[in-house]
Amino acid sequence: MTSNAACWKQPAPALVIATISLTACAAGGSDPGGAVCPPVVAYEKAVRDRAAVELEALPEDAALVGMMADYAVMRAQARVCAG
């Protein structure tokens, strides 16, 4: 049986910051099939920059680092859902 433990490691803060930054530019055009899509809050650039600095200051094993990576994925999914 192969181990997938490496798949569950928390990403480095720089990777999380890059993911959050890139998802701000993501565009998708799919038909959500009548699904109700959650709203995606738009953050000012100054707030995003401040959040990136604060996230980078956290220890690499901080729980918030992994949670922010999950949040970035959910925001990207919500954008795709909304079209």
PDB file of N, CA and C in Angstrom:
ATOM      1  N   MET A   1       0.853  -1.175   0.000  1.00  0.00           N
ATOM      2  CA  MET A   1       0.000   0.000   0.000  1.00  0.00           C
ATOM      3  C   MET A   1       0.901   1.241   0.000  1.00  0.00           C
ATOM      4  N   THR A   2       0.621   2.178  -0.890  1.00  0.00           N
ATOM      5  CA  THR A   2       1.448   3.374  -0.980  1.00  0.00           C
ATOM      6  C   THR A   2       0.950   4.427  -0.004  1.00  0.00           C
ATOM      7  N   SER A   3       1.880   5.223   0.460  1.00  0.00           N
ATOM      8  CA  SER A   3       1.546   6.283   1.402  1.00  0.00           C
ATOM      9  C   SER A   3       1.256   7.574   0.650  1.00  0.00           C
ATOM     10  N   ASN A   4       0.232   8.269   1.073  1.00  0.00           N
ATOM     11  CA  ASN A   4      -0.069   9.570   0.480  1.00  0.00           C
ATOM     12  C   ASN A   4       0.134  10.681   1.504  1.00  0.00           C
ATOM     13  N   ALA A   5       0.969  10.426   2.505  1.00  0.00           N
ATOM     14  CA  ALA A   5       1.200  11.405   3.566  1.00  0.00           C
ATOM     15  C   ALA A   5       1.752  12.705   2.997  1.00  0.00           C
ATOM     16  N   ALA A   6       2.558  12.626   1.947  1.00  0.00           N
ATOM     17  CA  ALA A   6       3.123  13.834   1.364  1.00  0.00           C
ATOM     18  C   ALA A   6       2.039  14.731   0.775  1.00  0.00           C
ATOM     19  N   CYS A   7       0.934  14.169   0.378  1.00  0.00           N
ATOM     20  CA  CYS A   7      -0.159  14.958  -0.202  1.00  0.00           C
ATOM     21  C   CYS A   7      -0.836  15.839   0.839  1.00  0.00           C
ATOM     22  N   TRP A   8      -0.674  15.524   2.091  1.00  0.00           N
ATOM     23  CA  TRP A   8      -1.382  16.241   3.148  1.00  0.00           C
ATOM     24  C   TRP A   8      -0.507  17.246   3.868  1.00  0.00           C
ATOM     25  N   LYS A   9       0.706  17.483   3.395  1.00  0.00           N
ATOM     26  CA  LYS A   9       1.559  18.490   4.026  1.00  0.00           C
ATOM     27  C   LYS A   9       0.997  19.875   3.756  1.00  0.00           C
ATOM     28  N   GLN A  10       1.150  20.766   4.724  1.00  0.00           N
ATOM     29  CA  GLN A  10       0.690  22.127   4.531  1.00  0.00           C
ATOM     30  C   GLN A  10       1.644  22.841   3.573  1.00  0.00           C
ATOM     31  N   PRO A  11       1.105  23.663   2.660  1.00  0.00           N
ATOM     32  CA  PRO A  11       1.969  24.350   1.714  1.00  0.00           C
ATOM     33  C   PRO A  11       2.762  25.460   2.398  1.00  0.00           C
ATOM     34  N   ALA A  12       3.885  25.799   1.813  1.00  0.00           N
ATOM     35  CA  ALA A  12       4.701  26.889   2.330  1.00  0.00           C
ATOM     36  C   ALA A  12       3.923  28.200   2.197  1.00  0.00           C
ATOM     37  N   PRO A  13       4.147  29.156   3.090  1.00  0.00           N
ATOM     38  CA  PRO A  13       3.413  30.426   3.016  1.00  0.00           C
ATOM     39  C   PRO A  13       3.538  31.111   1.659  1.00  0.00           C
ATOM     40  N   ALA A  14       4.714  31.039   1.036  1.00  0.00           N
ATOM     41  CA  ALA A  14       4.880  31.684  -0.266  1.00  0.00           C
ATOM     42  C   ALA A  14       3.947  31.059  -1.303  1.00  0.00           C
ATOM     43  N   LEU A  15       3.770  29.743  -1.238  1.00  0.00           N
ATOM     44  CA  LEU A  15       2.868  29.062  -2.175  1.00  0.00           C
ATOM     45  C   LEU A  15       1.427  29.494  -1.937  1.00  0.00           C
ATOM     46  N   VAL A  16       1.051  29.632  -0.679  1.00  0.00           N
ATOM     47  CA  VAL A  16      -0.308  30.079  -0.351  1.00  0.00           C
ATOM     48  C   VAL A  16      -0.530  31.490  -0.877  1.00  0.00           C
ATOM     49  N   ILE A  17       0.438  32.361  -0.678  1.00  0.00           N
ATOM     50  CA  ILE A  17       0.321  33.743  -1.146  1.00  0.00           C
ATOM     51  C   ILE A  17       0.203  33.769  -2.666  1.00  0.00           C
ATOM     52  N   ALA A  18       1.019  32.976  -3.336  1.00  0.00           N
ATOM     53  CA  ALA A  18       0.949  32.920  -4.796  1.00  0.00           C
ATOM     54  C   ALA A  18      -0.407  32.407  -5.248  1.00  0.00           C
ATOM     55  N   THR A  19      -0.922  31.396  -4.590  1.00  0.00           N
ATOM     56  CA  THR A  19      -2.227  30.836  -4.957  1.00  0.00           C
ATOM     57  C   THR A  19      -3.325  31.876  -4.775  1.00  0.00           C
ATOM     58  N   ILE A  20      -3.297  32.578  -3.663  1.00  0.00           N
ATOM     59  CA  ILE A  20      -4.307  33.602  -3.405  1.00  0.00           C
ATOM     60  C   ILE A  20      -4.212  34.702  -4.452  1.00  0.00           C
ATOM     61  N   SER A  21      -2.989  35.113  -4.783  1.00  0.00           N
ATOM     62  CA  SER A  21      -2.800  36.168  -5.772  1.00  0.00           C
ATOM     63  C   SER A  21      -3.283  35.728  -7.145  1.00  0.00           C
ATOM     64  N   LEU A  22      -2.951  34.503  -7.536  1.00  0.00           N
ATOM     65  CA  LEU A  22      -3.328  34.025  -8.857  1.00  0.00           C
ATOM     66  C   LEU A  22      -4.824  33.791  -8.990  1.00  0.00           C
ATOM     67  N   THR A  23      -5.477  33.392  -7.911  1.00  0.00           N
ATOM     68  CA  THR A  23      -6.910  33.148  -8.011  1.00  0.00           C
ATOM     69  C   THR A  23      -7.675  34.447  -8.198  1.00  0.00           C
ATOM     70  N   ALA A  24      -7.064  35.565  -7.881  1.00  0.00           N
ATOM     71  CA  ALA A  24      -7.713  36.852  -8.119  1.00  0.00           C
ATOM     72  C   ALA A  24      -7.871  37.104  -9.610  1.00  0.00           C
ATOM     73  N   CYS A  25      -7.036  36.465 -10.437  1.00  0.00           N
ATOM     74  CA  CYS A  25      -7.080  36.648 -11.886  1.00  0.00           C
ATOM     75  C   CYS A  25      -7.797  35.506 -12.594  1.00  0.00           C
ATOM     76  N   ALA A  26      -8.198  34.502 -11.865  1.00  0.00           N
ATOM     77  CA  ALA A  26      -8.795  33.314 -12.481  1.00  0.00           C
ATOM     78  C   ALA A  26     -10.136  33.657 -13.115  1.00  0.00           C
ATOM     79  N   ALA A  27     -10.375  33.043 -14.234  1.00  0.00           N
ATOM     80  CA  ALA A  27     -11.658  33.222 -14.906  1.00  0.00           C
ATOM     81  C   ALA A  27     -12.133  31.854 -15.367  1.00  0.00           C
ATOM     82  N   GLY A  28     -13.392  31.647 -15.279  1.00  0.00           N
ATOM     83  CA  GLY A  28     -13.923  30.371 -15.721  1.00  0.00           C
ATOM     84  C   GLY A  28     -15.296  30.569 -16.327  1.00  0.00           C
ATOM     85  N   GLY A  29     -15.629  29.733 -17.248  1.00  0.00           N
ATOM     86  CA  GLY A  29     -16.921  29.857 -17.880  1.00  0.00           C
ATOM     87  C   GLY A  29     -17.629  28.516 -17.902  1.00  0.00           C
ATOM     88  N   SER A  30     -18.222  28.140 -16.834  1.00  0.00           N
ATOM     89  CA  SER A  30     -18.938  26.874 -16.815  1.00  0.00           C
ATOM     90  C   SER A  30     -20.378  27.125 -16.400  1.00  0.00           C
ATOM     91  N   ASP A  31     -21.236  26.228 -16.783  1.00  0.00           N
ATOM     92  CA  ASP A  31     -22.633  26.325 -16.410  1.00  0.00           C
ATOM     93  C   ASP A  31     -22.826  25.639 -15.066  1.00  0.00           C
ATOM     94  N   PRO A  32     -23.149  26.392 -14.010  1.00  0.00           N
ATOM     95  CA  PRO A  32     -23.299  25.777 -12.696  1.00  0.00           C
ATOM     96  C   PRO A  32     -24.530  24.886 -12.579  1.00  0.00           C
ATOM     97  N   GLY A  33     -25.335  24.817 -13.598  1.00  0.00           N
ATOM     98  CA  GLY A  33     -26.493  23.925 -13.584  1.00  0.00           C
ATOM     99  C   GLY A  33     -27.531  24.296 -12.552  1.00  0.00           C
ATOM    100  N   GLY A  34     -27.750  25.581 -12.352  1.00  0.00           N
ATOM    101  CA  GLY A  34     -28.762  26.021 -11.415  1.00  0.00           C
ATOM    102  C   GLY A  34     -28.293  26.053  -9.972  1.00  0.00           C
ATOM    103  N   ALA A  35     -27.013  25.812  -9.733  1.00  0.00           N
ATOM    104  CA  ALA A  35     -26.482  25.829  -8.370  1.00  0.00           C
ATOM    105  C   ALA A  35     -26.490  27.257  -7.824  1.00  0.00           C
ATOM    106  N   VAL A  36     -26.670  27.379  -6.549  1.00  0.00           N
ATOM    107  CA  VAL A  36     -26.586  28.676  -5.900  1.00  0.00           C
ATOM    108  C   VAL A  36     -25.122  28.881  -5.516  1.00  0.00           C
ATOM    109  N   CYS A  37     -24.522  29.904  -6.097  1.00  0.00           N
ATOM    110  CA  CYS A  37     -23.098  30.154  -5.881  1.00  0.00           C
ATOM    111  C   CYS A  37     -22.908  31.167  -4.757  1.00  0.00           C
ATOM    112  N   PRO A  38     -21.979  30.895  -3.851  1.00  0.00           N
ATOM    113  CA  PRO A  38     -21.711  31.867  -2.787  1.00  0.00           C
ATOM    114  C   PRO A  38     -21.034  33.098  -3.367  1.00  0.00           C
ATOM    115  N   PRO A  39     -21.268  34.263  -2.773  1.00  0.00           N
ATOM    116  CA  PRO A  39     -20.613  35.468  -3.273  1.00  0.00           C
ATOM    117  C   PRO A  39     -19.122  35.432  -2.956  1.00  0.00           C
ATOM    118  N   VAL A  40     -18.341  36.051  -3.813  1.00  0.00           N
ATOM    119  CA  VAL A  40     -16.899  36.161  -3.594  1.00  0.00           C
ATOM    120  C   VAL A  40     -16.627  37.611  -3.217  1.00  0.00           C
ATOM    121  N   VAL A  41     -16.167  37.820  -2.002  1.00  0.00           N
ATOM    122  CA  VAL A  41     -15.872  39.161  -1.517  1.00  0.00           C
ATOM    123  C   VAL A  41     -14.646  39.697  -2.246  1.00  0.00           C
ATOM    124  N   ALA A  42     -14.736  40.916  -2.734  1.00  0.00           N
ATOM    125  CA  ALA A  42     -13.594  41.566  -3.387  1.00  0.00           C
ATOM    126  C   ALA A  42     -12.823  42.355  -2.331  1.00  0.00           C
ATOM    127  N   TYR A  43     -11.530  42.075  -2.221  1.00  0.00           N
ATOM    128  CA  TYR A  43     -10.677  42.777  -1.270  1.00  0.00           C
ATOM    129  C   TYR A  43      -9.824  43.797  -2.010  1.00  0.00           C
ATOM    130  N   GLU A  44      -9.660  44.957  -1.423  1.00  0.00           N
ATOM    131  CA  GLU A  44      -8.782  45.981  -1.992  1.00  0.00           C
ATOM    132  C   GLU A  44      -7.353  45.450  -2.025  1.00  0.00           C
ATOM    133  N   LYS A  45      -6.555  45.946  -2.962  1.00  0.00           N
ATOM    134  CA  LYS A  45      -5.170  45.496  -3.088  1.00  0.00           C
ATOM    135  C   LYS A  45      -4.390  45.723  -1.793  1.00  0.00           C
ATOM    136  N   ALA A  46      -4.611  46.842  -1.140  1.00  0.00           N
ATOM    137  CA  ALA A  46      -3.893  47.130   0.105  1.00  0.00           C
ATOM    138  C   ALA A  46      -4.188  46.072   1.169  1.00  0.00           C
ATOM    139  N   VAL A  47      -5.443  45.621   1.227  1.00  0.00           N
ATOM    140  CA  VAL A  47      -5.816  44.592   2.205  1.00  0.00           C
ATOM    141  C   VAL A  47      -5.174  43.253   1.836  1.00  0.00           C
ATOM    142  N   ARG A  48      -5.178  42.921   0.535  1.00  0.00           N
ATOM    143  CA  ARG A  48      -4.534  41.673   0.088  1.00  0.00           C
ATOM    144  C   ARG A  48      -3.044  41.691   0.371  1.00  0.00           C
ATOM    145  N   ASP A  49      -2.406  42.840   0.137  1.00  0.00           N
ATOM    146  CA  ASP A  49      -0.970  42.959   0.411  1.00  0.00           C
ATOM    147  C   ASP A  49      -0.680  42.797   1.900  1.00  0.00           C
ATOM    148  N   ARG A  50      -1.506  43.428   2.729  1.00  0.00           N
ATOM    149  CA  ARG A  50      -1.329  43.315   4.182  1.00  0.00           C
ATOM    150  C   ARG A  50      -1.506  41.872   4.642  1.00  0.00           C
ATOM    151  N   ALA A  51      -2.525  41.189   4.099  1.00  0.00           N
ATOM    152  CA  ALA A  51      -2.767  39.791   4.452  1.00  0.00           C
ATOM    153  C   ALA A  51      -1.585  38.914   4.044  1.00  0.00           C
ATOM    154  N   ALA A  52      -1.003  39.180   2.877  1.00  0.00           N
ATOM    155  CA  ALA A  52       0.152  38.405   2.415  1.00  0.00           C
ATOM    156  C   ALA A  52       1.339  38.578   3.359  1.00  0.00           C
ATOM    157  N   VAL A  53       1.582  39.807   3.807  1.00  0.00           N
ATOM    158  CA  VAL A  53       2.677  40.070   4.743  1.00  0.00           C
ATOM    159  C   VAL A  53       2.427  39.346   6.068  1.00  0.00           C
ATOM    160  N   GLU A  54       1.199  39.427   6.559  1.00  0.00           N
ATOM    161  CA  GLU A  54       0.860  38.776   7.826  1.00  0.00           C
ATOM    162  C   GLU A  54       0.970  37.257   7.711  1.00  0.00           C
ATOM    163  N   LEU A  55       0.533  36.708   6.585  1.00  0.00           N
ATOM    164  CA  LEU A  55       0.606  35.259   6.380  1.00  0.00           C
ATOM    165  C   LEU A  55       2.058  34.800   6.280  1.00  0.00           C
ATOM    166  N   GLU A  56       2.879  35.577   5.606  1.00  0.00           N
ATOM    167  CA  GLU A  56       4.298  35.234   5.464  1.00  0.00           C
ATOM    168  C   GLU A  56       5.005  35.249   6.822  1.00  0.00           C
ATOM    169  N   ALA A  57       4.525  36.077   7.751  1.00  0.00           N
ATOM    170  CA  ALA A  57       5.148  36.179   9.074  1.00  0.00           C
ATOM    171  C   ALA A  57       4.817  34.997   9.978  1.00  0.00           C
ATOM    172  N   LEU A  58       3.795  34.225   9.633  1.00  0.00           N
ATOM    173  CA  LEU A  58       3.408  33.075  10.455  1.00  0.00           C
ATOM    174  C   LEU A  58       4.436  31.956  10.349  1.00  0.00           C
ATOM    175  N   PRO A  59       4.541  31.143  11.384  1.00  0.00           N
ATOM    176  CA  PRO A  59       5.404  29.963  11.275  1.00  0.00           C
ATOM    177  C   PRO A  59       4.861  29.037  10.194  1.00  0.00           C
ATOM    178  N   GLU A  60       5.753  28.319   9.531  1.00  0.00           N
ATOM    179  CA  GLU A  60       5.359  27.465   8.414  1.00  0.00           C
ATOM    180  C   GLU A  60       4.346  26.401   8.822  1.00  0.00           C
ATOM    181  N   ASP A  61       4.392  25.972  10.085  1.00  0.00           N
ATOM    182  CA  ASP A  61       3.471  24.920  10.527  1.00  0.00           C
ATOM    183  C   ASP A  61       2.207  25.477  11.197  1.00  0.00           C
ATOM    184  N   ALA A  62       1.944  26.778  11.029  1.00  0.00           N
ATOM    185  CA  ALA A  62       0.755  27.390  11.618  1.00  0.00           C
ATOM    186  C   ALA A  62      -0.500  26.831  10.944  1.00  0.00           C
ATOM    187  N   ALA A  63      -1.511  26.567  11.727  1.00  0.00           N
ATOM    188  CA  ALA A  63      -2.768  26.031  11.207  1.00  0.00           C
ATOM    189  C   ALA A  63      -3.403  26.992  10.201  1.00  0.00           C
ATOM    190  N   LEU A  64      -3.245  28.269  10.421  1.00  0.00           N
ATOM    191  CA  LEU A  64      -3.850  29.275   9.558  1.00  0.00           C
ATOM    192  C   LEU A  64      -3.299  29.214   8.132  1.00  0.00           C
ATOM    193  N   VAL A  65      -2.061  28.778   7.968  1.00  0.00           N
ATOM    194  CA  VAL A  65      -1.467  28.675   6.638  1.00  0.00           C
ATOM    195  C   VAL A  65      -2.260  27.676   5.793  1.00  0.00           C
ATOM    196  N   GLY A  66      -2.525  26.516   6.335  1.00  0.00           N
ATOM    197  CA  GLY A  66      -3.312  25.521   5.621  1.00  0.00           C
ATOM    198  C   GLY A  66      -4.744  25.959   5.395  1.00  0.00           C
ATOM    199  N   MET A  67      -5.316  26.652   6.377  1.00  0.00           N
ATOM    200  CA  MET A  67      -6.696  27.120   6.249  1.00  0.00           C
ATOM    201  C   MET A  67      -6.816  28.157   5.132  1.00  0.00           C
ATOM    202  N   MET A  68      -5.820  29.014   5.003  1.00  0.00           N
ATOM    203  CA  MET A  68      -5.849  30.017   3.945  1.00  0.00           C
ATOM    204  C   MET A  68      -5.720  29.370   2.567  1.00  0.00           C
ATOM    205  N   ALA A  69      -4.967  28.294   2.471  1.00  0.00           N
ATOM    206  CA  ALA A  69      -4.863  27.569   1.205  1.00  0.00           C
ATOM    207  C   ALA A  69      -6.237  26.994   0.839  1.00  0.00           C
ATOM    208  N   ASP A  70      -6.936  26.449   1.812  1.00  0.00           N
ATOM    209  CA  ASP A  70      -8.286  25.929   1.577  1.00  0.00           C
ATOM    210  C   ASP A  70      -9.232  27.058   1.146  1.00  0.00           C
ATOM    211  N   TYR A  71      -9.092  28.198   1.784  1.00  0.00           N
ATOM    212  CA  TYR A  71      -9.945  29.350   1.472  1.00  0.00           C
ATOM    213  C   TYR A  71      -9.701  29.818   0.039  1.00  0.00           C
ATOM    214  N   ALA A  72      -8.442  29.813  -0.387  1.00  0.00           N
ATOM    215  CA  ALA A  72      -8.128  30.218  -1.761  1.00  0.00           C
ATOM    216  C   ALA A  72      -8.806  29.284  -2.764  1.00  0.00           C
ATOM    217  N   VAL A  73      -8.808  27.993  -2.470  1.00  0.00           N
ATOM    218  CA  VAL A  73      -9.452  27.020  -3.351  1.00  0.00           C
ATOM    219  C   VAL A  73     -10.960  27.259  -3.379  1.00  0.00           C
ATOM    220  N   MET A  74     -11.563  27.502  -2.228  1.00  0.00           N
ATOM    221  CA  MET A  74     -13.007  27.737  -2.177  1.00  0.00           C
ATOM    222  C   MET A  74     -13.386  29.009  -2.937  1.00  0.00           C
ATOM    223  N   ARG A  75     -12.558  30.056  -2.854  1.00  0.00           N
ATOM    224  CA  ARG A  75     -12.830  31.287  -3.604  1.00  0.00           C
ATOM    225  C   ARG A  75     -12.773  31.026  -5.102  1.00  0.00           C
ATOM    226  N   ALA A  76     -11.787  30.251  -5.527  1.00  0.00           N
ATOM    227  CA  ALA A  76     -11.669  29.918  -6.954  1.00  0.00           C
ATOM    228  C   ALA A  76     -12.885  29.121  -7.415  1.00  0.00           C
ATOM    229  N   GLN A  77     -13.326  28.175  -6.610  1.00  0.00           N
ATOM    230  CA  GLN A  77     -14.509  27.376  -6.945  1.00  0.00           C
ATOM    231  C   GLN A  77     -15.765  28.245  -7.025  1.00  0.00           C
ATOM    232  N   ALA A  78     -15.895  29.187  -6.104  1.00  0.00           N
ATOM    233  CA  ALA A  78     -17.055  30.080  -6.110  1.00  0.00           C
ATOM    234  C   ALA A  78     -17.060  30.953  -7.352  1.00  0.00           C
ATOM    235  N   ARG A  79     -15.870  31.403  -7.794  1.00  0.00           N
ATOM    236  CA  ARG A  79     -15.777  32.203  -9.018  1.00  0.00           C
ATOM    237  C   ARG A  79     -16.234  31.396 -10.230  1.00  0.00           C
ATOM    238  N   VAL A  80     -15.781  30.158 -10.308  1.00  0.00           N
ATOM    239  CA  VAL A  80     -16.165  29.282 -11.424  1.00  0.00           C
ATOM    240  C   VAL A  80     -17.666  29.031 -11.384  1.00  0.00           C
ATOM    241  N   CYS A  81     -18.202  28.809 -10.215  1.00  0.00           N
ATOM    242  CA  CYS A  81     -19.634  28.559 -10.052  1.00  0.00           C
ATOM    243  C   CYS A  81     -20.454  29.743 -10.543  1.00  0.00           C
ATOM    244  N   ALA A  82     -20.001  30.945 -10.196  1.00  0.00           N
ATOM    245  CA  ALA A  82     -20.734  32.159 -10.562  1.00  0.00           C
ATOM    246  C   ALA A  82     -20.589  32.485 -12.047  1.00  0.00           C
ATOM    247  N   GLY A  83     -19.544  31.924 -12.679  1.00  0.00           N
ATOM    248  CA  GLY A  83     -19.327  32.166 -14.101  1.00  0.00           C
ATOM    249  C   GLY A  83     -18.629  33.435 -14.288  1.00  0.00           C
TER     250      GLY A  83
END
